[in-house]
Amino acid sequence: MNIQFRDSAGVTVVAVAGKLDALTAADYETTMKALLADGKTRCVVDFSELTYISSAGLRALLAAAKSTKAAGGETRFAGVTGNVLAVIEMTGFNSILSLHDSVDAALGAM
């Protein structure tokens, strides 16, 4: 998994590429907690390059999003497609997470 971030008008865009699974979920959570500790409470997570997500990855998403919400912030997810979208929909996480077609759409919704 590869994680990169950039700032877009006060919102942190977190681009996640590769696989979010049992081996990488802790890295994702650590990264998101570090952003939160730095006061970055408004995030758009770009999954357009994410190719796989497991139940451990789903748990990491939910934990990080809840932490951000508890800190008064918000997390939105963009570019969720293919198998990743299928898993999110199959597990019902699409009713919990704010999903958007693109980063621009997610930023506009914030």
PDB file of N, CA and C in Angstrom:
ATOM      1  N   MET A   1       0.849  -1.171   0.000  1.00  0.00           N
ATOM      2  CA  MET A   1       0.000   0.000   0.000  1.00  0.00           C
ATOM      3  C   MET A   1       0.892   1.230   0.000  1.00  0.00           C
ATOM      4  N   ASN A   2       0.453   2.226  -0.722  1.00  0.00           N
ATOM      5  CA  ASN A   2       1.155   3.496  -0.789  1.00  0.00           C
ATOM      6  C   ASN A   2       0.167   4.596  -0.399  1.00  0.00           C
ATOM      7  N   ILE A   3       0.599   5.498   0.481  1.00  0.00           N
ATOM      8  CA  ILE A   3      -0.253   6.606   0.915  1.00  0.00           C
ATOM      9  C   ILE A   3       0.478   7.915   0.641  1.00  0.00           C
ATOM     10  N   GLN A   4      -0.220   8.819  -0.028  1.00  0.00           N
ATOM     11  CA  GLN A   4       0.315  10.160  -0.269  1.00  0.00           C
ATOM     12  C   GLN A   4      -0.750  11.165   0.116  1.00  0.00           C
ATOM     13  N   PHE A   5      -0.313  12.358   0.554  1.00  0.00           N
ATOM     14  CA  PHE A   5      -1.305  13.364   0.859  1.00  0.00           C
ATOM     15  C   PHE A   5      -0.919  14.711   0.307  1.00  0.00           C
ATOM     16  N   ARG A   6      -1.959  15.531   0.153  1.00  0.00           N
ATOM     17  CA  ARG A   6      -1.795  16.905  -0.307  1.00  0.00           C
ATOM     18  C   ARG A   6      -2.900  17.741   0.322  1.00  0.00           C
ATOM     19  N   ASP A   7      -2.687  19.037   0.344  1.00  0.00           N
ATOM     20  CA  ASP A   7      -3.694  19.948   0.890  1.00  0.00           C
ATOM     21  C   ASP A   7      -4.471  20.575  -0.262  1.00  0.00           C
ATOM     22  N   SER A   8      -5.770  20.689  -0.075  1.00  0.00           N
ATOM     23  CA  SER A   8      -6.621  21.344  -1.062  1.00  0.00           C
ATOM     24  C   SER A   8      -7.595  22.245  -0.324  1.00  0.00           C
ATOM     25  N   ALA A   9      -7.250  23.515  -0.242  1.00  0.00           N
ATOM     26  CA  ALA A   9      -8.100  24.522   0.411  1.00  0.00           C
ATOM     27  C   ALA A   9      -8.486  24.118   1.838  1.00  0.00           C
ATOM     28  N   GLY A  10      -7.512  23.681   2.612  1.00  0.00           N
ATOM     29  CA  GLY A  10      -7.766  23.342   4.007  1.00  0.00           C
ATOM     30  C   GLY A  10      -8.271  21.939   4.251  1.00  0.00           C
ATOM     31  N   VAL A  11      -8.401  21.147   3.189  1.00  0.00           N
ATOM     32  CA  VAL A  11      -8.819  19.753   3.307  1.00  0.00           C
ATOM     33  C   VAL A  11      -7.631  18.890   2.900  1.00  0.00           C
ATOM     34  N   THR A  12      -7.355  17.869   3.691  1.00  0.00           N
ATOM     35  CA  THR A  12      -6.265  16.952   3.366  1.00  0.00           C
ATOM     36  C   THR A  12      -6.802  15.846   2.468  1.00  0.00           C
ATOM     37  N   VAL A  13      -6.202  15.715   1.292  1.00  0.00           N
ATOM     38  CA  VAL A  13      -6.567  14.645   0.368  1.00  0.00           C
ATOM     39  C   VAL A  13      -5.544  13.530   0.564  1.00  0.00           C
ATOM     40  N   VAL A  14      -6.039  12.371   0.957  1.00  0.00           N
ATOM     41  CA  VAL A  14      -5.195  11.216   1.237  1.00  0.00           C
ATOM     42  C   VAL A  14      -5.410  10.199   0.117  1.00  0.00           C
ATOM     43  N   ALA A  15      -4.393  10.001  -0.726  1.00  0.00           N
ATOM     44  CA  ALA A  15      -4.484   9.055  -1.835  1.00  0.00           C
ATOM     45  C   ALA A  15      -3.909   7.714  -1.390  1.00  0.00           C
ATOM     46  N   VAL A  16      -4.742   6.679  -1.441  1.00  0.00           N
ATOM     47  CA  VAL A  16      -4.343   5.338  -1.023  1.00  0.00           C
ATOM     48  C   VAL A  16      -4.326   4.441  -2.262  1.00  0.00           C
ATOM     49  N   ALA A  17      -3.189   3.797  -2.506  1.00  0.00           N
ATOM     50  CA  ALA A  17      -3.042   2.923  -3.666  1.00  0.00           C
ATOM     51  C   ALA A  17      -2.612   1.528  -3.220  1.00  0.00           C
ATOM     52  N   GLY A  18      -3.045   0.526  -3.964  1.00  0.00           N
ATOM     53  CA  GLY A  18      -2.652  -0.845  -3.660  1.00  0.00           C
ATOM     54  C   GLY A  18      -3.730  -1.589  -2.906  1.00  0.00           C
ATOM     55  N   LYS A  19      -3.320  -2.311  -1.862  1.00  0.00           N
ATOM     56  CA  LYS A  19      -4.233  -3.144  -1.083  1.00  0.00           C
ATOM     57  C   LYS A  19      -4.326  -2.647   0.350  1.00  0.00           C
ATOM     58  N   LEU A  20      -5.554  -2.614   0.860  1.00  0.00           N
ATOM     59  CA  LEU A  20      -5.794  -2.273   2.262  1.00  0.00           C
ATOM     60  C   LEU A  20      -6.321  -3.544   2.918  1.00  0.00           C
ATOM     61  N   ASP A  21      -5.413  -4.253   3.589  1.00  0.00           N
ATOM     62  CA  ASP A  21      -5.746  -5.560   4.143  1.00  0.00           C
ATOM     63  C   ASP A  21      -5.113  -5.719   5.525  1.00  0.00           C
ATOM     64  N   ALA A  22      -5.067  -6.937   6.017  1.00  0.00           N
ATOM     65  CA  ALA A  22      -4.540  -7.201   7.354  1.00  0.00           C
ATOM     66  C   ALA A  22      -3.089  -6.749   7.500  1.00  0.00           C
ATOM     67  N   LEU A  23      -2.336  -6.777   6.421  1.00  0.00           N
ATOM     68  CA  LEU A  23      -0.933  -6.366   6.481  1.00  0.00           C
ATOM     69  C   LEU A  23      -0.749  -4.856   6.466  1.00  0.00           C
ATOM     70  N   THR A  24      -1.711  -4.127   5.912  1.00  0.00           N
ATOM     71  CA  THR A  24      -1.534  -2.681   5.741  1.00  0.00           C
ATOM     72  C   THR A  24      -2.517  -1.819   6.532  1.00  0.00           C
ATOM     73  N   ALA A  25      -3.528  -2.431   7.110  1.00  0.00           N
ATOM     74  CA  ALA A  25      -4.565  -1.664   7.816  1.00  0.00           C
ATOM     75  C   ALA A  25      -3.982  -0.836   8.953  1.00  0.00           C
ATOM     76  N   ALA A  26      -3.032  -1.388   9.694  1.00  0.00           N
ATOM     77  CA  ALA A  26      -2.420  -0.641  10.806  1.00  0.00           C
ATOM     78  C   ALA A  26      -1.684   0.596  10.299  1.00  0.00           C
ATOM     79  N   ASP A  27      -1.047   0.489   9.137  1.00  0.00           N
ATOM     80  CA  ASP A  27      -0.360   1.645   8.551  1.00  0.00           C
ATOM     81  C   ASP A  27      -1.359   2.748   8.196  1.00  0.00           C
ATOM     82  N   TYR A  28      -2.497   2.349   7.633  1.00  0.00           N
ATOM     83  CA  TYR A  28      -3.542   3.319   7.302  1.00  0.00           C
ATOM     84  C   TYR A  28      -4.033   4.024   8.569  1.00  0.00           C
ATOM     85  N   GLU A  29      -4.341   3.239   9.599  1.00  0.00           N
ATOM     86  CA  GLU A  29      -4.822   3.825  10.853  1.00  0.00           C
ATOM     87  C   GLU A  29      -3.788   4.759  11.466  1.00  0.00           C
ATOM     88  N   THR A  30      -2.531   4.351  11.465  1.00  0.00           N
ATOM     89  CA  THR A  30      -1.455   5.177  12.021  1.00  0.00           C
ATOM     90  C   THR A  30      -1.341   6.500  11.265  1.00  0.00           C
ATOM     91  N   THR A  31      -1.422   6.428   9.942  1.00  0.00           N
ATOM     92  CA  THR A  31      -1.345   7.634   9.124  1.00  0.00           C
ATOM     93  C   THR A  31      -2.501   8.578   9.431  1.00  0.00           C
ATOM     94  N   MET A  32      -3.709   8.030   9.500  1.00  0.00           N
ATOM     95  CA  MET A  32      -4.877   8.868   9.768  1.00  0.00           C
ATOM     96  C   MET A  32      -4.829   9.456  11.181  1.00  0.00           C
ATOM     97  N   LYS A  33      -4.349   8.697  12.153  1.00  0.00           N
ATOM     98  CA  LYS A  33      -4.213   9.219  13.519  1.00  0.00           C
ATOM     99  C   LYS A  33      -3.182  10.340  13.572  1.00  0.00           C
ATOM    100  N   ALA A  34      -2.095  10.205  12.812  1.00  0.00           N
ATOM    101  CA  ALA A  34      -1.070  11.244  12.771  1.00  0.00           C
ATOM    102  C   ALA A  34      -1.628  12.531  12.168  1.00  0.00           C
ATOM    103  N   LEU A  35      -2.429  12.411  11.120  1.00  0.00           N
ATOM    104  CA  LEU A  35      -3.063  13.590  10.531  1.00  0.00           C
ATOM    105  C   LEU A  35      -3.969  14.269  11.548  1.00  0.00           C
ATOM    106  N   LEU A  36      -4.743  13.468  12.258  1.00  0.00           N
ATOM    107  CA  LEU A  36      -5.648  13.994  13.279  1.00  0.00           C
ATOM    108  C   LEU A  36      -4.861  14.690  14.389  1.00  0.00           C
ATOM    109  N   ALA A  37      -3.760  14.103  14.808  1.00  0.00           N
ATOM    110  CA  ALA A  37      -2.914  14.704  15.841  1.00  0.00           C
ATOM    111  C   ALA A  37      -2.316  16.026  15.377  1.00  0.00           C
ATOM    112  N   ASP A  38      -2.128  16.168  14.061  1.00  0.00           N
ATOM    113  CA  ASP A  38      -1.622  17.421  13.488  1.00  0.00           C
ATOM    114  C   ASP A  38      -2.732  18.438  13.264  1.00  0.00           C
ATOM    115  N   GLY A  39      -3.949  18.116  13.699  1.00  0.00           N
ATOM    116  CA  GLY A  39      -5.062  19.049  13.561  1.00  0.00           C
ATOM    117  C   GLY A  39      -5.757  19.000  12.225  1.00  0.00           C
ATOM    118  N   LYS A  40      -5.453  18.010  11.423  1.00  0.00           N
ATOM    119  CA  LYS A  40      -6.092  17.884  10.107  1.00  0.00           C
ATOM    120  C   LYS A  40      -7.333  17.022  10.271  1.00  0.00           C
ATOM    121  N   THR A  41      -8.462  17.683  10.459  1.00  0.00           N
ATOM    122  CA  THR A  41      -9.704  16.975  10.771  1.00  0.00           C
ATOM    123  C   THR A  41     -10.673  16.907   9.595  1.00  0.00           C
ATOM    124  N   ARG A  42     -10.293  17.481   8.483  1.00  0.00           N
ATOM    125  CA  ARG A  42     -11.141  17.414   7.278  1.00  0.00           C
ATOM    126  C   ARG A  42     -10.359  16.683   6.199  1.00  0.00           C
ATOM    127  N   CYS A  43     -10.799  15.464   5.867  1.00  0.00           N
ATOM    128  CA  CYS A  43     -10.056  14.619   4.933  1.00  0.00           C
ATOM    129  C   CYS A  43     -10.950  14.050   3.839  1.00  0.00           C
ATOM    130  N   VAL A  44     -10.382  13.975   2.654  1.00  0.00           N
ATOM    131  CA  VAL A  44     -10.968  13.224   1.555  1.00  0.00           C
ATOM    132  C   VAL A  44      -9.982  12.107   1.258  1.00  0.00           C
ATOM    133  N   VAL A  45     -10.447  10.876   1.351  1.00  0.00           N
ATOM    134  CA  VAL A  45      -9.604   9.714   1.066  1.00  0.00           C
ATOM    135  C   VAL A  45      -9.896   9.272  -0.362  1.00  0.00           C
ATOM    136  N   ASP A  46      -8.867   9.344  -1.199  1.00  0.00           N
ATOM    137  CA  ASP A  46      -8.990   9.002  -2.620  1.00  0.00           C
ATOM    138  C   ASP A  46      -8.631   7.531  -2.808  1.00  0.00           C
ATOM    139  N   PHE A  47      -9.623   6.729  -3.152  1.00  0.00           N
ATOM    140  CA  PHE A  47      -9.428   5.292  -3.355  1.00  0.00           C
ATOM    141  C   PHE A  47      -9.395   4.913  -4.835  1.00  0.00           C
ATOM    142  N   SER A  48      -9.185   5.871  -5.716  1.00  0.00           N
ATOM    143  CA  SER A  48      -9.213   5.557  -7.147  1.00  0.00           C
ATOM    144  C   SER A  48      -8.113   4.576  -7.555  1.00  0.00           C
ATOM    145  N   GLU A  49      -7.058   4.471  -6.762  1.00  0.00           N
ATOM    146  CA  GLU A  49      -5.967   3.530  -7.054  1.00  0.00           C
ATOM    147  C   GLU A  49      -5.940   2.354  -6.076  1.00  0.00           C
ATOM    148  N   LEU A  50      -6.968   2.228  -5.241  1.00  0.00           N
ATOM    149  CA  LEU A  50      -7.054   1.092  -4.323  1.00  0.00           C
ATOM    150  C   LEU A  50      -7.642  -0.092  -5.075  1.00  0.00           C
ATOM    151  N   THR A  51      -6.948  -1.227  -5.033  1.00  0.00           N
ATOM    152  CA  THR A  51      -7.376  -2.384  -5.819  1.00  0.00           C
ATOM    153  C   THR A  51      -8.031  -3.473  -4.987  1.00  0.00           C
ATOM    154  N   TYR A  52      -7.861  -3.430  -3.664  1.00  0.00           N
ATOM    155  CA  TYR A  52      -8.384  -4.508  -2.816  1.00  0.00           C
ATOM    156  C   TYR A  52      -8.598  -3.974  -1.401  1.00  0.00           C
ATOM    157  N   ILE A  53      -9.668  -4.437  -0.764  1.00  0.00           N
ATOM    158  CA  ILE A  53      -9.901  -4.125   0.645  1.00  0.00           C
ATOM    159  C   ILE A  53     -10.449  -5.374   1.329  1.00  0.00           C
ATOM    160  N   SER A  54      -9.929  -5.648   2.518  1.00  0.00           N
ATOM    161  CA  SER A  54     -10.381  -6.809   3.300  1.00  0.00           C
ATOM    162  C   SER A  54     -11.201  -6.314   4.489  1.00  0.00           C
ATOM    163  N   SER A  55     -11.669  -7.255   5.285  1.00  0.00           N
ATOM    164  CA  SER A  55     -12.417  -6.877   6.489  1.00  0.00           C
ATOM    165  C   SER A  55     -11.542  -6.066   7.445  1.00  0.00           C
ATOM    166  N   ALA A  56     -10.257  -6.362   7.509  1.00  0.00           N
ATOM    167  CA  ALA A  56      -9.341  -5.570   8.350  1.00  0.00           C
ATOM    168  C   ALA A  56      -9.244  -4.146   7.820  1.00  0.00           C
ATOM    169  N   GLY A  57      -9.242  -3.999   6.504  1.00  0.00           N
ATOM    170  CA  GLY A  57      -9.224  -2.668   5.898  1.00  0.00           C
ATOM    171  C   GLY A  57     -10.496  -1.903   6.190  1.00  0.00           C
ATOM    172  N   LEU A  58     -11.631  -2.578   6.126  1.00  0.00           N
ATOM    173  CA  LEU A  58     -12.909  -1.941   6.450  1.00  0.00           C
ATOM    174  C   LEU A  58     -12.929  -1.461   7.893  1.00  0.00           C
ATOM    175  N   ARG A  59     -12.418  -2.295   8.794  1.00  0.00           N
ATOM    176  CA  ARG A  59     -12.366  -1.919  10.202  1.00  0.00           C
ATOM    177  C   ARG A  59     -11.489  -0.677  10.391  1.00  0.00           C
ATOM    178  N   ALA A  60     -10.364  -0.619   9.679  1.00  0.00           N
ATOM    179  CA  ALA A  60      -9.465   0.535   9.763  1.00  0.00           C
ATOM    180  C   ALA A  60     -10.146   1.805   9.256  1.00  0.00           C
ATOM    181  N   LEU A  61     -10.909   1.676   8.168  1.00  0.00           N
ATOM    182  CA  LEU A  61     -11.652   2.832   7.637  1.00  0.00           C
ATOM    183  C   LEU A  61     -12.626   3.370   8.666  1.00  0.00           C
ATOM    184  N   LEU A  62     -13.386   2.454   9.239  1.00  0.00           N
ATOM    185  CA  LEU A  62     -14.401   2.844  10.205  1.00  0.00           C
ATOM    186  C   LEU A  62     -13.774   3.456  11.454  1.00  0.00           C
ATOM    187  N   ALA A  63     -12.717   2.858  11.954  1.00  0.00           N
ATOM    188  CA  ALA A  63     -12.054   3.376  13.157  1.00  0.00           C
ATOM    189  C   ALA A  63     -11.508   4.783  12.921  1.00  0.00           C
ATOM    190  N   ALA A  64     -10.852   4.979  11.789  1.00  0.00           N
ATOM    191  CA  ALA A  64     -10.289   6.300  11.487  1.00  0.00           C
ATOM    192  C   ALA A  64     -11.385   7.343  11.277  1.00  0.00           C
ATOM    193  N   ALA A  65     -12.440   6.977  10.573  1.00  0.00           N
ATOM    194  CA  ALA A  65     -13.544   7.916  10.338  1.00  0.00           C
ATOM    195  C   ALA A  65     -14.231   8.292  11.647  1.00  0.00           C
ATOM    196  N   LYS A  66     -14.408   7.326  12.547  1.00  0.00           N
ATOM    197  CA  LYS A  66     -15.024   7.619  13.852  1.00  0.00           C
ATOM    198  C   LYS A  66     -14.145   8.537  14.681  1.00  0.00           C
ATOM    199  N   SER A  67     -12.837   8.322  14.650  1.00  0.00           N
ATOM    200  CA  SER A  67     -11.913   9.179  15.400  1.00  0.00           C
ATOM    201  C   SER A  67     -11.966  10.605  14.885  1.00  0.00           C
ATOM    202  N   THR A  68     -12.013  10.749  13.571  1.00  0.00           N
ATOM    203  CA  THR A  68     -12.085  12.085  12.977  1.00  0.00           C
ATOM    204  C   THR A  68     -13.392  12.767  13.349  1.00  0.00           C
ATOM    205  N   LYS A  69     -14.487  12.034  13.297  1.00  0.00           N
ATOM    206  CA  LYS A  69     -15.791  12.596  13.655  1.00  0.00           C
ATOM    207  C   LYS A  69     -15.816  13.004  15.126  1.00  0.00           C
ATOM    208  N   ALA A  70     -15.229  12.180  15.995  1.00  0.00           N
ATOM    209  CA  ALA A  70     -15.185  12.493  17.430  1.00  0.00           C
ATOM    210  C   ALA A  70     -14.382  13.763  17.702  1.00  0.00           C
ATOM    211  N   ALA A  71     -13.445  14.070  16.811  1.00  0.00           N
ATOM    212  CA  ALA A  71     -12.635  15.285  16.961  1.00  0.00           C
ATOM    213  C   ALA A  71     -13.298  16.495  16.301  1.00  0.00           C
ATOM    214  N   GLY A  72     -14.534  16.326  15.824  1.00  0.00           N
ATOM    215  CA  GLY A  72     -15.264  17.433  15.207  1.00  0.00           C
ATOM    216  C   GLY A  72     -14.993  17.588  13.722  1.00  0.00           C
ATOM    217  N   GLY A  73     -14.367  16.603  13.121  1.00  0.00           N
ATOM    218  CA  GLY A  73     -14.042  16.678  11.701  1.00  0.00           C
ATOM    219  C   GLY A  73     -14.915  15.765  10.871  1.00  0.00           C
ATOM    220  N   GLU A  74     -14.502  15.566   9.634  1.00  0.00           N
ATOM    221  CA  GLU A  74     -15.234  14.673   8.752  1.00  0.00           C
ATOM    222  C   GLU A  74     -14.290  14.033   7.751  1.00  0.00           C
ATOM    223  N   THR A  75     -14.668  12.831   7.334  1.00  0.00           N
ATOM    224  CA  THR A  75     -13.924  12.094   6.317  1.00  0.00           C
ATOM    225  C   THR A  75     -14.887  11.701   5.216  1.00  0.00           C
ATOM    226  N   ARG A  76     -14.469  11.944   3.987  1.00  0.00           N
ATOM    227  CA  ARG A  76     -15.247  11.532   2.820  1.00  0.00           C
ATOM    228  C   ARG A  76     -14.353  10.668   1.942  1.00  0.00           C
ATOM    229  N   PHE A  77     -14.955   9.757   1.202  1.00  0.00           N
ATOM    230  CA  PHE A  77     -14.211   8.819   0.382  1.00  0.00           C
ATOM    231  C   PHE A  77     -14.558   9.044  -1.078  1.00  0.00           C
ATOM    232  N   ALA A  78     -13.540   9.049  -1.927  1.00  0.00           N
ATOM    233  CA  ALA A  78     -13.731   9.362  -3.339  1.00  0.00           C
ATOM    234  C   ALA A  78     -13.120   8.286  -4.225  1.00  0.00           C
ATOM    235  N   GLY A  79     -13.685   8.149  -5.414  1.00  0.00           N
ATOM    236  CA  GLY A  79     -13.112   7.254  -6.404  1.00  0.00           C
ATOM    237  C   GLY A  79     -13.180   5.788  -6.046  1.00  0.00           C
ATOM    238  N   VAL A  80     -14.168   5.410  -5.270  1.00  0.00           N
ATOM    239  CA  VAL A  80     -14.314   4.007  -4.868  1.00  0.00           C
ATOM    240  C   VAL A  80     -15.001   3.266  -6.009  1.00  0.00           C
ATOM    241  N   THR A  81     -14.296   2.309  -6.598  1.00  0.00           N
ATOM    242  CA  THR A  81     -14.830   1.594  -7.758  1.00  0.00           C
ATOM    243  C   THR A  81     -14.490   0.107  -7.692  1.00  0.00           C
ATOM    244  N   GLY A  82     -14.974  -0.622  -8.662  1.00  0.00           N
ATOM    245  CA  GLY A  82     -14.612  -2.023  -8.850  1.00  0.00           C
ATOM    246  C   GLY A  82     -14.867  -2.905  -7.646  1.00  0.00           C
ATOM    247  N   ASN A  83     -13.907  -3.781  -7.380  1.00  0.00           N
ATOM    248  CA  ASN A  83     -14.026  -4.735  -6.279  1.00  0.00           C
ATOM    249  C   ASN A  83     -14.127  -4.049  -4.921  1.00  0.00           C
ATOM    250  N   VAL A  84     -13.429  -2.933  -4.771  1.00  0.00           N
ATOM    251  CA  VAL A  84     -13.476  -2.208  -3.495  1.00  0.00           C
ATOM    252  C   VAL A  84     -14.895  -1.709  -3.237  1.00  0.00           C
ATOM    253  N   LEU A  85     -15.521  -1.124  -4.248  1.00  0.00           N
ATOM    254  CA  LEU A  85     -16.901  -0.666  -4.112  1.00  0.00           C
ATOM    255  C   LEU A  85     -17.834  -1.836  -3.837  1.00  0.00           C
ATOM    256  N   ALA A  86     -17.622  -2.946  -4.524  1.00  0.00           N
ATOM    257  CA  ALA A  86     -18.473  -4.128  -4.330  1.00  0.00           C
ATOM    258  C   ALA A  86     -18.408  -4.613  -2.882  1.00  0.00           C
ATOM    259  N   VAL A  87     -17.217  -4.647  -2.305  1.00  0.00           N
ATOM    260  CA  VAL A  87     -17.066  -5.078  -0.907  1.00  0.00           C
ATOM    261  C   VAL A  87     -17.741  -4.091   0.040  1.00  0.00           C
ATOM    262  N   ILE A  88     -17.550  -2.802  -0.208  1.00  0.00           N
ATOM    263  CA  ILE A  88     -18.162  -1.781   0.652  1.00  0.00           C
ATOM    264  C   ILE A  88     -19.685  -1.873   0.590  1.00  0.00           C
ATOM    265  N   GLU A  89     -20.233  -2.067  -0.602  1.00  0.00           N
ATOM    266  CA  GLU A  89     -21.685  -2.191  -0.738  1.00  0.00           C
ATOM    267  C   GLU A  89     -22.203  -3.493  -0.133  1.00  0.00           C
ATOM    268  N   MET A  90     -21.483  -4.588  -0.341  1.00  0.00           N
ATOM    269  CA  MET A  90     -21.906  -5.890   0.170  1.00  0.00           C
ATOM    270  C   MET A  90     -21.961  -5.903   1.706  1.00  0.00           C
ATOM    271  N   THR A  91     -21.068  -5.164   2.332  1.00  0.00           N
ATOM    272  CA  THR A  91     -21.019  -5.128   3.795  1.00  0.00           C
ATOM    273  C   THR A  91     -21.908  -4.036   4.389  1.00  0.00           C
ATOM    274  N   GLY A  92     -22.504  -3.213   3.537  1.00  0.00           N
ATOM    275  CA  GLY A  92     -23.375  -2.144   4.020  1.00  0.00           C
ATOM    276  C   GLY A  92     -22.627  -0.902   4.466  1.00  0.00           C
ATOM    277  N   PHE A  93     -21.321  -0.859   4.251  1.00  0.00           N
ATOM    278  CA  PHE A  93     -20.542   0.306   4.661  1.00  0.00           C
ATOM    279  C   PHE A  93     -20.874   1.540   3.834  1.00  0.00           C
ATOM    280  N   ASN A  94     -21.488   1.361   2.677  1.00  0.00           N
ATOM    281  CA  ASN A  94     -21.880   2.515   1.873  1.00  0.00           C
ATOM    282  C   ASN A  94     -22.950   3.351   2.569  1.00  0.00           C
ATOM    283  N   SER A  95     -23.648   2.774   3.547  1.00  0.00           N
ATOM    284  CA  SER A  95     -24.632   3.551   4.301  1.00  0.00           C
ATOM    285  C   SER A  95     -23.981   4.262   5.493  1.00  0.00           C
ATOM    286  N   ILE A  96     -22.753   3.904   5.798  1.00  0.00           N
ATOM    287  CA  ILE A  96     -22.028   4.506   6.929  1.00  0.00           C
ATOM    288  C   ILE A  96     -21.037   5.557   6.450  1.00  0.00           C
ATOM    289  N   LEU A  97     -20.364   5.275   5.341  1.00  0.00           N
ATOM    290  CA  LEU A  97     -19.317   6.148   4.821  1.00  0.00           C
ATOM    291  C   LEU A  97     -19.882   7.096   3.773  1.00  0.00           C
ATOM    292  N   SER A  98     -19.314   8.289   3.697  1.00  0.00           N
ATOM    293  CA  SER A  98     -19.709   9.268   2.675  1.00  0.00           C
ATOM    294  C   SER A  98     -18.894   9.005   1.419  1.00  0.00           C
ATOM    295  N   LEU A  99     -19.524   8.414   0.403  1.00  0.00           N
ATOM    296  CA  LEU A  99     -18.853   8.052  -0.843  1.00  0.00           C
ATOM    297  C   LEU A  99     -19.174   9.059  -1.941  1.00  0.00           C
ATOM    298  N   HIS A 100     -18.144   9.393  -2.731  1.00  0.00           N
ATOM    299  CA  HIS A 100     -18.301  10.336  -3.843  1.00  0.00           C
ATOM    300  C   HIS A 100     -17.576   9.788  -5.064  1.00  0.00           C
ATOM    301  N   ASP A 101     -18.040  10.159  -6.234  1.00  0.00           N
ATOM    302  CA  ASP A 101     -17.459   9.658  -7.478  1.00  0.00           C
ATOM    303  C   ASP A 101     -16.021  10.128  -7.690  1.00  0.00           C
ATOM    304  N   SER A 102     -15.719  11.349  -7.244  1.00  0.00           N
ATOM    305  CA  SER A 102     -14.390  11.914  -7.488  1.00  0.00           C
ATOM    306  C   SER A 102     -13.939  12.745  -6.295  1.00  0.00           C
ATOM    307  N   VAL A 103     -12.662  13.051  -6.281  1.00  0.00           N
ATOM    308  CA  VAL A 103     -12.111  13.917  -5.232  1.00  0.00           C
ATOM    309  C   VAL A 103     -12.782  15.280  -5.299  1.00  0.00           C
ATOM    310  N   ASP A 104     -12.947  15.808  -6.514  1.00  0.00           N
ATOM    311  CA  ASP A 104     -13.580  17.121  -6.664  1.00  0.00           C
ATOM    312  C   ASP A 104     -15.006  17.124  -6.097  1.00  0.00           C
ATOM    313  N   ALA A 105     -15.757  16.047  -6.337  1.00  0.00           N
ATOM    314  CA  ALA A 105     -17.122  15.961  -5.799  1.00  0.00           C
ATOM    315  C   ALA A 105     -17.097  15.910  -4.267  1.00  0.00           C
ATOM    316  N   ALA A 106     -16.164  15.169  -3.714  1.00  0.00           N
ATOM    317  CA  ALA A 106     -16.049  15.081  -2.246  1.00  0.00           C
ATOM    318  C   ALA A 106     -15.656  16.424  -1.645  1.00  0.00           C
ATOM    319  N   LEU A 107     -14.707  17.101  -2.297  1.00  0.00           N
ATOM    320  CA  LEU A 107     -14.300  18.421  -1.808  1.00  0.00           C
ATOM    321  C   LEU A 107     -15.468  19.401  -1.884  1.00  0.00           C
ATOM    322  N   GLY A 108     -16.248  19.336  -2.956  1.00  0.00           N
ATOM    323  CA  GLY A 108     -17.398  20.216  -3.100  1.00  0.00           C
ATOM    324  C   GLY A 108     -18.457  19.977  -2.048  1.00  0.00           C
ATOM    325  N   ALA A 109     -18.562  18.748  -1.577  1.00  0.00           N
ATOM    326  CA  ALA A 109     -19.561  18.395  -0.562  1.00  0.00           C
ATOM    327  C   ALA A 109     -19.142  18.829   0.838  1.00  0.00           C
ATOM    328  N   MET A 110     -17.880  19.161   1.000  1.00  0.00           N
ATOM    329  CA  MET A 110     -17.410  19.579   2.318  1.00  0.00           C
ATOM    330  C   MET A 110     -17.706  21.052   2.502  1.00  0.00           C
TER     331      MET A 110
END
